[in-house]
All heavy atoms as atom14 arrays in JSON, in Angstrom:
{
  "sequence": "GAMLIRSLRPRTKAFFDAHLMISDPGKYLEDYLQAGCDAITVHLEAV",
  "atom14_mask": [
    [1, 1, 1, 1, 0, 0, 0, 0, 0, 0, 0, 0, 0, 0],
    [1, 1, 1, 1, 1, 0, 0, 0, 0, 0, 0, 0, 0, 0],
    [1, 1, 1, 1, 1, 1, 1, 1, 0, 0, 0, 0, 0, 0],
    [1, 1, 1, 1, 1, 1, 1, 1, 0, 0, 0, 0, 0, 0],
    [1, 1, 1, 1, 1, 1, 1, 1, 0, 0, 0, 0, 0, 0],
    [1, 1, 1, 1, 1, 1, 1, 1, 1, 1, 1, 0, 0, 0],
    [1, 1, 1, 1, 1, 1, 0, 0, 0, 0, 0, 0, 0, 0],
    [1, 1, 1, 1, 1, 1, 1, 1, 0, 0, 0, 0, 0, 0],
    [1, 1, 1, 1, 1, 1, 1, 1, 1, 1, 1, 0, 0, 0],
    [1, 1, 1, 1, 1, 1, 1, 0, 0, 0, 0, 0, 0, 0],
    [1, 1, 1, 1, 1, 1, 1, 1, 1, 1, 1, 0, 0, 0],
    [1, 1, 1, 1, 1, 1, 1, 0, 0, 0, 0, 0, 0, 0],
    [1, 1, 1, 1, 1, 1, 1, 1, 1, 0, 0, 0, 0, 0],
    [1, 1, 1, 1, 1, 0, 0, 0, 0, 0, 0, 0, 0, 0],
    [1, 1, 1, 1, 1, 1, 1, 1, 1, 1, 1, 0, 0, 0],
    [1, 1, 1, 1, 1, 1, 1, 1, 1, 1, 1, 0, 0, 0],
    [1, 1, 1, 1, 1, 1, 1, 1, 0, 0, 0, 0, 0, 0],
    [1, 1, 1, 1, 1, 0, 0, 0, 0, 0, 0, 0, 0, 0],
    [1, 1, 1, 1, 1, 1, 1, 1, 1, 1, 0, 0, 0, 0],
    [1, 1, 1, 1, 1, 1, 1, 1, 0, 0, 0, 0, 0, 0],
    [1, 1, 1, 1, 1, 1, 1, 1, 0, 0, 0, 0, 0, 0],
    [1, 1, 1, 1, 1, 1, 1, 1, 0, 0, 0, 0, 0, 0],
    [1, 1, 1, 1, 1, 1, 0, 0, 0, 0, 0, 0, 0, 0],
    [1, 1, 1, 1, 1, 1, 1, 1, 0, 0, 0, 0, 0, 0],
    [1, 1, 1, 1, 1, 1, 1, 0, 0, 0, 0, 0, 0, 0],
    [1, 1, 1, 1, 0, 0, 0, 0, 0, 0, 0, 0, 0, 0],
    [1, 1, 1, 1, 1, 1, 1, 1, 1, 0, 0, 0, 0, 0],
    [1, 1, 1, 1, 1, 1, 1, 1, 1, 1, 1, 1, 0, 0],
    [1, 1, 1, 1, 1, 1, 1, 1, 0, 0, 0, 0, 0, 0],
    [1, 1, 1, 1, 1, 1, 1, 1, 1, 0, 0, 0, 0, 0],
    [1, 1, 1, 1, 1, 1, 1, 1, 0, 0, 0, 0, 0, 0],
    [1, 1, 1, 1, 1, 1, 1, 1, 1, 1, 1, 1, 0, 0],
    [1, 1, 1, 1, 1, 1, 1, 1, 0, 0, 0, 0, 0, 0],
    [1, 1, 1, 1, 1, 1, 1, 1, 1, 0, 0, 0, 0, 0],
    [1, 1, 1, 1, 1, 0, 0, 0, 0, 0, 0, 0, 0, 0],
    [1, 1, 1, 1, 0, 0, 0, 0, 0, 0, 0, 0, 0, 0],
    [1, 1, 1, 1, 1, 1, 0, 0, 0, 0, 0, 0, 0, 0],
    [1, 1, 1, 1, 1, 1, 1, 1, 0, 0, 0, 0, 0, 0],
    [1, 1, 1, 1, 1, 0, 0, 0, 0, 0, 0, 0, 0, 0],
    [1, 1, 1, 1, 1, 1, 1, 1, 0, 0, 0, 0, 0, 0],
    [1, 1, 1, 1, 1, 1, 1, 0, 0, 0, 0, 0, 0, 0],
    [1, 1, 1, 1, 1, 1, 1, 0, 0, 0, 0, 0, 0, 0],
    [1, 1, 1, 1, 1, 1, 1, 1, 1, 1, 0, 0, 0, 0],
    [1, 1, 1, 1, 1, 1, 1, 1, 0, 0, 0, 0, 0, 0],
    [1, 1, 1, 1, 1, 1, 1, 1, 1, 0, 0, 0, 0, 0],
    [1, 1, 1, 1, 1, 0, 0, 0, 0, 0, 0, 0, 0, 0],
    [1, 1, 1, 1, 1, 1, 1, 0, 0, 0, 0, 0, 0, 0]
  ],
  "atom14_positions": [
    [[-60.77, -33.19, -37.09], [-59.84, -33.48, -38.17], [-60.15, -32.72, -39.43], [-60.93, -31.76, -39.44], [0.0, 0.0, 0.0], [0.0, 0.0, 0.0], [0.0, 0.0, 0.0], [0.0, 0.0, 0.0], [0.0, 0.0, 0.0], [0.0, 0.0, 0.0], [0.0, 0.0, 0.0], [0.0, 0.0, 0.0], [0.0, 0.0, 0.0], [0.0, 0.0, 0.0]],
    [[-59.54, -33.2, -40.52], [-59.63, -32.48, -41.79], [-61.05, -32.42, -42.33], [-61.42, -31.44, -42.99], [-58.7, -33.13, -42.81], [0.0, 0.0, 0.0], [0.0, 0.0, 0.0], [0.0, 0.0, 0.0], [0.0, 0.0, 0.0], [0.0, 0.0, 0.0], [0.0, 0.0, 0.0], [0.0, 0.0, 0.0], [0.0, 0.0, 0.0], [0.0, 0.0, 0.0]],
    [[-61.85, -33.45, -42.08], [-63.22, -33.44, -42.61], [-64.03, -32.27, -42.08], [-64.76, -31.61, -42.83], [-63.92, -34.76, -42.27], [-63.38, -35.95, -43.04], [-64.1, -37.52, -42.51], [-65.82, -37.21, -42.81], [0.0, 0.0, 0.0], [0.0, 0.0, 0.0], [0.0, 0.0, 0.0], [0.0, 0.0, 0.0], [0.0, 0.0, 0.0], [0.0, 0.0, 0.0]],
    [[-63.91, -32.01, -40.8], [-64.65, -30.89, -40.22], [-64.14, -29.55, -40.77], [-64.93, -28.67, -41.13], [-64.54, -30.91, -38.7], [-65.3, -29.8, -37.96], [-65.99, -30.34, -36.72], [-64.35, -28.66, -37.57], [0.0, 0.0, 0.0], [0.0, 0.0, 0.0], [0.0, 0.0, 0.0], [0.0, 0.0, 0.0], [0.0, 0.0, 0.0], [0.0, 0.0, 0.0]],
    [[-62.84, -29.41, -40.85], [-62.26, -28.17, -41.38], [-62.71, -27.95, -42.82], [-63.1, -26.84, -43.21], [-60.73, -28.2, -41.26], [-60.31, -28.23, -39.78], [-60.11, -27.01, -41.97], [-58.83, -28.48, -39.56], [0.0, 0.0, 0.0], [0.0, 0.0, 0.0], [0.0, 0.0, 0.0], [0.0, 0.0, 0.0], [0.0, 0.0, 0.0], [0.0, 0.0, 0.0]],
    [[-62.68, -29.0, -43.61], [-63.09, -28.89, -45.02], [-64.55, -28.47, -45.15], [-64.91, -27.71, -46.05], [-62.84, -30.22, -45.74], [-63.15, -30.16, -47.22], [-62.68, -31.41, -47.97], [-63.35, -32.61, -47.49], [-62.74, -33.62, -46.89], [-61.44, -33.57, -46.67], [-63.43, -34.68, -46.51], [0.0, 0.0, 0.0], [0.0, 0.0, 0.0], [0.0, 0.0, 0.0]],
    [[-65.38, -28.93, -44.25], [-66.81, -28.6, -44.33], [-67.07, -27.13, -44.09], [-68.06, -26.57, -44.59], [-67.6, -29.45, -43.33], [-67.37, -29.03, -41.99], [0.0, 0.0, 0.0], [0.0, 0.0, 0.0], [0.0, 0.0, 0.0], [0.0, 0.0, 0.0], [0.0, 0.0, 0.0], [0.0, 0.0, 0.0], [0.0, 0.0, 0.0], [0.0, 0.0, 0.0]],
    [[-66.19, -26.48, -43.34], [-66.37, -25.07, -43.02], [-65.63, -24.14, -43.98], [-65.95, -22.95, -44.05], [-65.91, -24.8, -41.59], [-66.85, -25.37, -40.52], [-66.14, -25.56, -39.21], [-68.07, -24.48, -40.35], [0.0, 0.0, 0.0], [0.0, 0.0, 0.0], [0.0, 0.0, 0.0], [0.0, 0.0, 0.0], [0.0, 0.0, 0.0], [0.0, 0.0, 0.0]],
    [[-64.68, -24.68, -44.72], [-63.85, -23.82, -45.59], [-64.67, -22.99, -46.58], [-64.38, -21.78, -46.75], [-62.84, -24.71, -46.32], [-61.92, -24.04, -47.31], [-60.9, -23.1, -46.69], [-61.48, -21.83, -46.21], [-60.77, -20.89, -45.59], [-59.48, -21.07, -45.35], [-61.35, -19.79, -45.17], [0.0, 0.0, 0.0], [0.0, 0.0, 0.0], [0.0, 0.0, 0.0]],
    [[-65.71, -23.54, -47.24], [-66.44, -22.71, -48.2], [-67.32, -21.64, -47.56], [-67.84, -20.77, -48.27], [-67.33, -23.73, -48.95], [-66.8, -25.07, -48.6], [-66.19, -24.94, -47.26], [0.0, 0.0, 0.0], [0.0, 0.0, 0.0], [0.0, 0.0, 0.0], [0.0, 0.0, 0.0], [0.0, 0.0, 0.0], [0.0, 0.0, 0.0], [0.0, 0.0, 0.0]],
    [[-67.48, -21.7, -46.25], [-68.44, -20.82, -45.58], [-67.82, -19.58, -44.96], [-68.52, -18.78, -44.35], [-69.19, -21.62, -44.51], [-69.88, -22.84, -45.08], [-70.59, -23.63, -44.03], [-71.22, -24.82, -44.61], [-72.4, -25.26, -44.27], [-73.13, -24.65, -43.36], [-72.89, -26.35, -44.83], [0.0, 0.0, 0.0], [0.0, 0.0, 0.0], [0.0, 0.0, 0.0]],
    [[-66.51, -19.43, -45.09], [-65.84, -18.3, -44.48], [-64.57, -17.96, -45.26], [-63.95, -18.84, -45.86], [-65.47, -18.6, -43.01], [-64.66, -17.53, -42.49], [-64.68, -19.89, -42.88], [0.0, 0.0, 0.0], [0.0, 0.0, 0.0], [0.0, 0.0, 0.0], [0.0, 0.0, 0.0], [0.0, 0.0, 0.0], [0.0, 0.0, 0.0], [0.0, 0.0, 0.0]],
    [[-64.2, -16.69, -45.23], [-62.95, -16.25, -45.83], [-61.83, -16.14, -44.8], [-60.74, -15.67, -45.11], [-63.16, -14.9, -46.52], [-64.11, -14.96, -47.71], [-64.26, -13.59, -48.37], [-65.2, -13.68, -49.57], [-65.37, -12.35, -50.23], [0.0, 0.0, 0.0], [0.0, 0.0, 0.0], [0.0, 0.0, 0.0], [0.0, 0.0, 0.0], [0.0, 0.0, 0.0]],
    [[-62.08, -16.58, -43.58], [-61.09, -16.49, -42.53], [-59.84, -17.3, -42.88], [-59.89, -18.27, -43.66], [-61.67, -16.99, -41.21], [0.0, 0.0, 0.0], [0.0, 0.0, 0.0], [0.0, 0.0, 0.0], [0.0, 0.0, 0.0], [0.0, 0.0, 0.0], [0.0, 0.0, 0.0], [0.0, 0.0, 0.0], [0.0, 0.0, 0.0], [0.0, 0.0, 0.0]],
    [[-58.74, -16.91, -42.29], [-57.47, -17.63, -42.44], [-57.52, -18.88, -41.56], [-57.79, -18.8, -40.37], [-56.32, -16.71, -42.0], [-54.95, -17.25, -42.29], [-54.3, -16.94, -43.47], [-54.29, -18.03, -41.36], [-53.02, -17.42, -43.73], [-53.01, -18.51, -41.6], [-52.39, -18.21, -42.79], [0.0, 0.0, 0.0], [0.0, 0.0, 0.0], [0.0, 0.0, 0.0]],
    [[-57.26, -20.02, -42.15], [-57.3, -21.29, -41.42], [-55.88, -21.76, -41.13], [-55.12, -22.08, -42.04], [-58.03, -22.36, -42.23], [-59.53, -22.33, -42.11], [-60.2, -21.25, -41.55], [-60.29, -23.39, -42.57], [-61.59, -21.23, -41.44], [-61.68, -23.38, -42.47], [-62.33, -22.3, -41.91], [0.0, 0.0, 0.0], [0.0, 0.0, 0.0], [0.0, 0.0, 0.0]],
    [[-55.55, -21.83, -39.86], [-54.22, -22.22, -39.39], [-54.37, -23.56, -38.66], [-54.9, -23.6, -37.55], [-53.68, -21.13, -38.46], [-52.4, -21.53, -37.75], [-51.66, -22.36, -38.27], [-52.15, -20.97, -36.66], [0.0, 0.0, 0.0], [0.0, 0.0, 0.0], [0.0, 0.0, 0.0], [0.0, 0.0, 0.0], [0.0, 0.0, 0.0], [0.0, 0.0, 0.0]],
    [[-53.92, -24.64, -39.27], [-54.04, -25.97, -38.68], [-52.78, -26.3, -37.89], [-51.68, -26.32, -38.44], [-54.27, -27.01, -39.76], [0.0, 0.0, 0.0], [0.0, 0.0, 0.0], [0.0, 0.0, 0.0], [0.0, 0.0, 0.0], [0.0, 0.0, 0.0], [0.0, 0.0, 0.0], [0.0, 0.0, 0.0], [0.0, 0.0, 0.0], [0.0, 0.0, 0.0]],
    [[-52.95, -26.56, -36.62], [-51.86, -26.93, -35.72], [-51.97, -28.43, -35.47], [-52.82, -28.88, -34.71], [-52.0, -26.11, -34.43], [-51.0, -26.46, -33.39], [-51.13, -26.02, -32.08], [-49.84, -27.18, -33.42], [-50.1, -26.46, -31.37], [-49.31, -27.17, -32.16], [0.0, 0.0, 0.0], [0.0, 0.0, 0.0], [0.0, 0.0, 0.0], [0.0, 0.0, 0.0]],
    [[-51.12, -29.2, -36.15], [-51.22, -30.65, -36.14], [-50.44, -31.22, -34.96], [-49.23, -31.44, -35.04], [-50.72, -31.23, -37.46], [-51.41, -30.75, -38.74], [-50.94, -31.55, -39.94], [-52.93, -30.79, -38.62], [0.0, 0.0, 0.0], [0.0, 0.0, 0.0], [0.0, 0.0, 0.0], [0.0, 0.0, 0.0], [0.0, 0.0, 0.0], [0.0, 0.0, 0.0]],
    [[-51.16, -31.48, -33.88], [-50.57, -32.14, -32.71], [-50.82, -33.64, -32.85], [-51.6, -34.24, -32.11], [-51.18, -31.57, -31.43], [-50.75, -30.14, -31.17], [-51.49, -29.43, -29.69], [-53.03, -28.84, -30.39], [0.0, 0.0, 0.0], [0.0, 0.0, 0.0], [0.0, 0.0, 0.0], [0.0, 0.0, 0.0], [0.0, 0.0, 0.0], [0.0, 0.0, 0.0]],
    [[-50.17, -34.22, -33.86], [-50.39, -35.62, -34.21], [-49.04, -36.29, -34.45], [-48.05, -35.63, -34.77], [-51.32, -35.76, -35.43], [-50.71, -35.13, -36.67], [-52.68, -35.14, -35.13], [-51.57, -35.3, -37.92], [0.0, 0.0, 0.0], [0.0, 0.0, 0.0], [0.0, 0.0, 0.0], [0.0, 0.0, 0.0], [0.0, 0.0, 0.0], [0.0, 0.0, 0.0]],
    [[-49.04, -37.62, -34.33], [-47.78, -38.36, -34.35], [-47.16, -38.51, -35.73], [-45.95, -38.58, -35.85], [-48.0, -39.76, -33.75], [-48.28, -39.66, -32.37], [0.0, 0.0, 0.0], [0.0, 0.0, 0.0], [0.0, 0.0, 0.0], [0.0, 0.0, 0.0], [0.0, 0.0, 0.0], [0.0, 0.0, 0.0], [0.0, 0.0, 0.0], [0.0, 0.0, 0.0]],
    [[-47.95, -38.58, -36.76], [-47.42, -38.81, -38.11], [-48.03, -37.81, -39.07], [-48.85, -38.16, -39.92], [-47.74, -40.24, -38.54], [-47.03, -40.63, -39.84], [-46.28, -39.8, -40.38], [-47.24, -41.77, -40.3], [0.0, 0.0, 0.0], [0.0, 0.0, 0.0], [0.0, 0.0, 0.0], [0.0, 0.0, 0.0], [0.0, 0.0, 0.0], [0.0, 0.0, 0.0]],
    [[-47.66, -36.53, -38.95], [-48.34, -35.51, -39.76], [-48.15, -35.7, -41.26], [-49.03, -35.34, -42.04], [-47.72, -34.2, -39.28], [-46.42, -34.59, -38.65], [-46.64, -35.94, -38.07], [0.0, 0.0, 0.0], [0.0, 0.0, 0.0], [0.0, 0.0, 0.0], [0.0, 0.0, 0.0], [0.0, 0.0, 0.0], [0.0, 0.0, 0.0], [0.0, 0.0, 0.0]],
    [[-47.02, -36.26, -41.67], [-46.81, -36.46, -43.09], [-47.84, -37.37, -43.72], [-48.23, -37.19, -44.88], [0.0, 0.0, 0.0], [0.0, 0.0, 0.0], [0.0, 0.0, 0.0], [0.0, 0.0, 0.0], [0.0, 0.0, 0.0], [0.0, 0.0, 0.0], [0.0, 0.0, 0.0], [0.0, 0.0, 0.0], [0.0, 0.0, 0.0], [0.0, 0.0, 0.0]],
    [[-48.32, -38.34, -42.96], [-49.31, -39.29, -43.46], [-50.63, -38.61, -43.79], [-51.36, -39.05, -44.69], [-49.52, -40.39, -42.41], [-50.51, -41.47, -42.81], [-50.61, -42.53, -41.73], [-51.61, -43.62, -42.1], [-51.7, -44.65, -41.03], [0.0, 0.0, 0.0], [0.0, 0.0, 0.0], [0.0, 0.0, 0.0], [0.0, 0.0, 0.0], [0.0, 0.0, 0.0]],
    [[-50.95, -37.55, -43.06], [-52.25, -36.89, -43.19], [-52.15, -35.5, -43.82], [-53.16, -34.82, -43.93], [-52.92, -36.79, -41.82], [-53.08, -38.12, -41.14], [-52.19, -38.54, -40.16], [-54.1, -38.99, -41.51], [-52.32, -39.78, -39.55], [-54.25, -40.23, -40.9], [-53.35, -40.61, -39.93], [-53.48, -41.85, -39.33], [0.0, 0.0, 0.0], [0.0, 0.0, 0.0]],
    [[-50.95, -35.12, -44.2], [-50.76, -33.74, -44.67], [-51.65, -33.4, -45.85], [-52.26, -32.32, -45.89], [-49.29, -33.53, -45.04], [-48.92, -32.13, -45.5], [-49.21, -31.09, -44.44], [-47.43, -32.1, -45.89], [0.0, 0.0, 0.0], [0.0, 0.0, 0.0], [0.0, 0.0, 0.0], [0.0, 0.0, 0.0], [0.0, 0.0, 0.0], [0.0, 0.0, 0.0]],
    [[-51.77, -34.31, -46.8], [-52.57, -34.02, -47.99], [-54.03, -33.74, -47.62], [-54.7, -32.93, -48.26], [-52.49, -35.19, -48.98], [-53.1, -34.88, -50.34], [-52.4, -33.74, -51.06], [-51.19, -33.53, -50.84], [-53.09, -33.04, -51.84], [0.0, 0.0, 0.0], [0.0, 0.0, 0.0], [0.0, 0.0, 0.0], [0.0, 0.0, 0.0], [0.0, 0.0, 0.0]],
    [[-54.53, -34.42, -46.58], [-55.9, -34.19, -46.14], [-56.12, -32.74, -45.72], [-57.16, -32.14, -46.03], [-56.26, -35.1, -44.97], [-56.3, -36.57, -45.35], [-56.47, -36.87, -46.55], [-56.14, -37.41, -44.46], [0.0, 0.0, 0.0], [0.0, 0.0, 0.0], [0.0, 0.0, 0.0], [0.0, 0.0, 0.0], [0.0, 0.0, 0.0], [0.0, 0.0, 0.0]],
    [[-55.14, -32.18, -45.03], [-55.28, -30.8, -44.55], [-55.03, -29.78, -45.65], [-55.63, -28.7, -45.65], [-54.37, -30.59, -43.33], [-54.9, -31.35, -42.15], [-54.48, -32.65, -41.89], [-55.89, -30.8, -41.35], [-55.02, -33.38, -40.85], [-56.43, -31.53, -40.3], [-56.0, -32.82, -40.06], [-56.56, -33.54, -39.04], [0.0, 0.0, 0.0], [0.0, 0.0, 0.0]],
    [[-54.19, -30.14, -46.6], [-54.05, -29.28, -47.77], [-55.36, -29.26, -48.57], [-55.84, -28.19, -48.97], [-52.9, -29.77, -48.65], [-51.49, -29.64, -48.06], [-50.49, -30.36, -48.95], [-51.1, -28.18, -47.9], [0.0, 0.0, 0.0], [0.0, 0.0, 0.0], [0.0, 0.0, 0.0], [0.0, 0.0, 0.0], [0.0, 0.0, 0.0], [0.0, 0.0, 0.0]],
    [[-55.95, -30.43, -48.77], [-57.21, -30.52, -49.51], [-58.36, -29.86, -48.75], [-59.32, -29.39, -49.36], [-57.54, -31.98, -49.79], [-56.61, -32.65, -50.78], [-56.7, -32.06, -52.18], [-57.77, -31.67, -52.63], [-55.57, -31.96, -52.85], [0.0, 0.0, 0.0], [0.0, 0.0, 0.0], [0.0, 0.0, 0.0], [0.0, 0.0, 0.0], [0.0, 0.0, 0.0]],
    [[-58.25, -29.81, -47.43], [-59.3, -29.18, -46.62], [-59.29, -27.67, -46.75], [-60.24, -27.01, -46.3], [-59.14, -29.58, -45.16], [0.0, 0.0, 0.0], [0.0, 0.0, 0.0], [0.0, 0.0, 0.0], [0.0, 0.0, 0.0], [0.0, 0.0, 0.0], [0.0, 0.0, 0.0], [0.0, 0.0, 0.0], [0.0, 0.0, 0.0], [0.0, 0.0, 0.0]],
    [[-58.21, -27.1, -47.33], [-58.17, -25.67, -47.54], [-57.47, -24.88, -46.45], [-57.68, -23.67, -46.33], [0.0, 0.0, 0.0], [0.0, 0.0, 0.0], [0.0, 0.0, 0.0], [0.0, 0.0, 0.0], [0.0, 0.0, 0.0], [0.0, 0.0, 0.0], [0.0, 0.0, 0.0], [0.0, 0.0, 0.0], [0.0, 0.0, 0.0], [0.0, 0.0, 0.0]],
    [[-56.63, -25.54, -45.67], [-55.87, -24.81, -44.63], [-54.87, -23.87, -45.28], [-54.18, -24.23, -46.24], [-55.15, -25.8, -43.72], [-56.27, -26.88, -42.81], [0.0, 0.0, 0.0], [0.0, 0.0, 0.0], [0.0, 0.0, 0.0], [0.0, 0.0, 0.0], [0.0, 0.0, 0.0], [0.0, 0.0, 0.0], [0.0, 0.0, 0.0], [0.0, 0.0, 0.0]],
    [[-54.79, -22.67, -44.77], [-53.87, -21.67, -45.31], [-52.47, -21.81, -44.72], [-51.48, -21.44, -45.36], [-54.41, -20.27, -44.99], [-55.76, -20.02, -45.62], [-55.82, -19.92, -46.85], [-56.77, -19.95, -44.87], [0.0, 0.0, 0.0], [0.0, 0.0, 0.0], [0.0, 0.0, 0.0], [0.0, 0.0, 0.0], [0.0, 0.0, 0.0], [0.0, 0.0, 0.0]],
    [[-52.4, -22.3, -43.5], [-51.12, -22.57, -42.84], [-51.24, -23.9, -42.13], [-52.31, -24.25, -41.61], [-50.78, -21.47, -41.84], [0.0, 0.0, 0.0], [0.0, 0.0, 0.0], [0.0, 0.0, 0.0], [0.0, 0.0, 0.0], [0.0, 0.0, 0.0], [0.0, 0.0, 0.0], [0.0, 0.0, 0.0], [0.0, 0.0, 0.0], [0.0, 0.0, 0.0]],
    [[-50.15, -24.65, -42.12], [-50.11, -25.94, -41.43], [-48.84, -25.98, -40.6], [-47.73, -25.79, -41.13], [-50.17, -27.12, -42.4], [-51.47, -27.07, -43.22], [-50.05, -28.44, -41.66], [-51.57, -28.14, -44.29], [0.0, 0.0, 0.0], [0.0, 0.0, 0.0], [0.0, 0.0, 0.0], [0.0, 0.0, 0.0], [0.0, 0.0, 0.0], [0.0, 0.0, 0.0]],
    [[-49.01, -26.25, -39.31], [-47.88, -26.32, -38.38], [-47.75, -27.74, -37.85], [-48.74, -28.34, -37.43], [-48.09, -25.34, -37.21], [-48.09, -24.0, -37.72], [-46.98, -25.47, -36.17], [0.0, 0.0, 0.0], [0.0, 0.0, 0.0], [0.0, 0.0, 0.0], [0.0, 0.0, 0.0], [0.0, 0.0, 0.0], [0.0, 0.0, 0.0], [0.0, 0.0, 0.0]],
    [[-46.53, -28.26, -37.88], [-46.24, -29.57, -37.34], [-45.28, -29.42, -36.17], [-44.62, -28.39, -36.01], [-45.65, -30.51, -38.41], [-46.63, -30.71, -39.56], [-44.32, -29.99, -38.92], [0.0, 0.0, 0.0], [0.0, 0.0, 0.0], [0.0, 0.0, 0.0], [0.0, 0.0, 0.0], [0.0, 0.0, 0.0], [0.0, 0.0, 0.0], [0.0, 0.0, 0.0]],
    [[-45.18, -30.48, -35.36], [-44.32, -30.44, -34.18], [-42.98, -31.11, -34.46], [-42.93, -32.21, -35.02], [-45.0, -31.15, -33.01], [-45.81, -30.23, -32.16], [-45.33, -29.71, -30.98], [-47.04, -29.72, -32.34], [-46.26, -28.93, -30.45], [-47.31, -28.92, -31.27], [0.0, 0.0, 0.0], [0.0, 0.0, 0.0], [0.0, 0.0, 0.0], [0.0, 0.0, 0.0]],
    [[-41.93, -30.45, -34.02], [-40.59, -31.01, -34.16], [-40.47, -32.32, -33.38], [-39.75, -33.24, -33.79], [-39.55, -30.01, -33.67], [-38.08, -30.39, -33.84], [-37.76, -30.67, -35.3], [-37.18, -29.28, -33.29], [0.0, 0.0, 0.0], [0.0, 0.0, 0.0], [0.0, 0.0, 0.0], [0.0, 0.0, 0.0], [0.0, 0.0, 0.0], [0.0, 0.0, 0.0]],
    [[-41.18, -32.44, -32.28], [-41.14, -33.67, -31.49], [-41.75, -34.86, -32.24], [-41.39, -36.01, -32.0], [-41.88, -33.49, -30.16], [-41.29, -32.43, -29.25], [-41.82, -31.03, -29.55], [-42.65, -30.88, -30.47], [-41.39, -30.09, -28.85], [0.0, 0.0, 0.0], [0.0, 0.0, 0.0], [0.0, 0.0, 0.0], [0.0, 0.0, 0.0], [0.0, 0.0, 0.0]],
    [[-42.67, -34.57, -33.15], [-43.31, -35.62, -33.93], [-42.55, -35.95, -35.21], [-42.66, -37.05, -35.73], [-44.75, -35.21, -34.29], [0.0, 0.0, 0.0], [0.0, 0.0, 0.0], [0.0, 0.0, 0.0], [0.0, 0.0, 0.0], [0.0, 0.0, 0.0], [0.0, 0.0, 0.0], [0.0, 0.0, 0.0], [0.0, 0.0, 0.0], [0.0, 0.0, 0.0]],
    [[-41.78, -34.97, -35.7], [-41.05, -35.14, -36.96], [-39.62, -34.63, -36.74], [-39.34, -33.45, -36.97], [-41.71, -34.35, -38.11], [-41.07, -34.73, -39.44], [-43.19, -34.59, -38.16], [0.0, 0.0, 0.0], [0.0, 0.0, 0.0], [0.0, 0.0, 0.0], [0.0, 0.0, 0.0], [0.0, 0.0, 0.0], [0.0, 0.0, 0.0], [0.0, 0.0, 0.0]]
  ]
}
C-alpha cells in the first residue's frame, strides 16, 4: 500500500505509477498522492 510506496519515494527519482486494483480508490486516493505517486490509475469496474 501507500506506506511502502511513501517509504521508497525519497530514495529514488524513478517515475512511480500506482495501479489501484482496489474497490474504493477514492477513499484512499489522498494516501497515494501523499506517498508521492506520479501517476495513479483506477479501474472503471471499481468506479
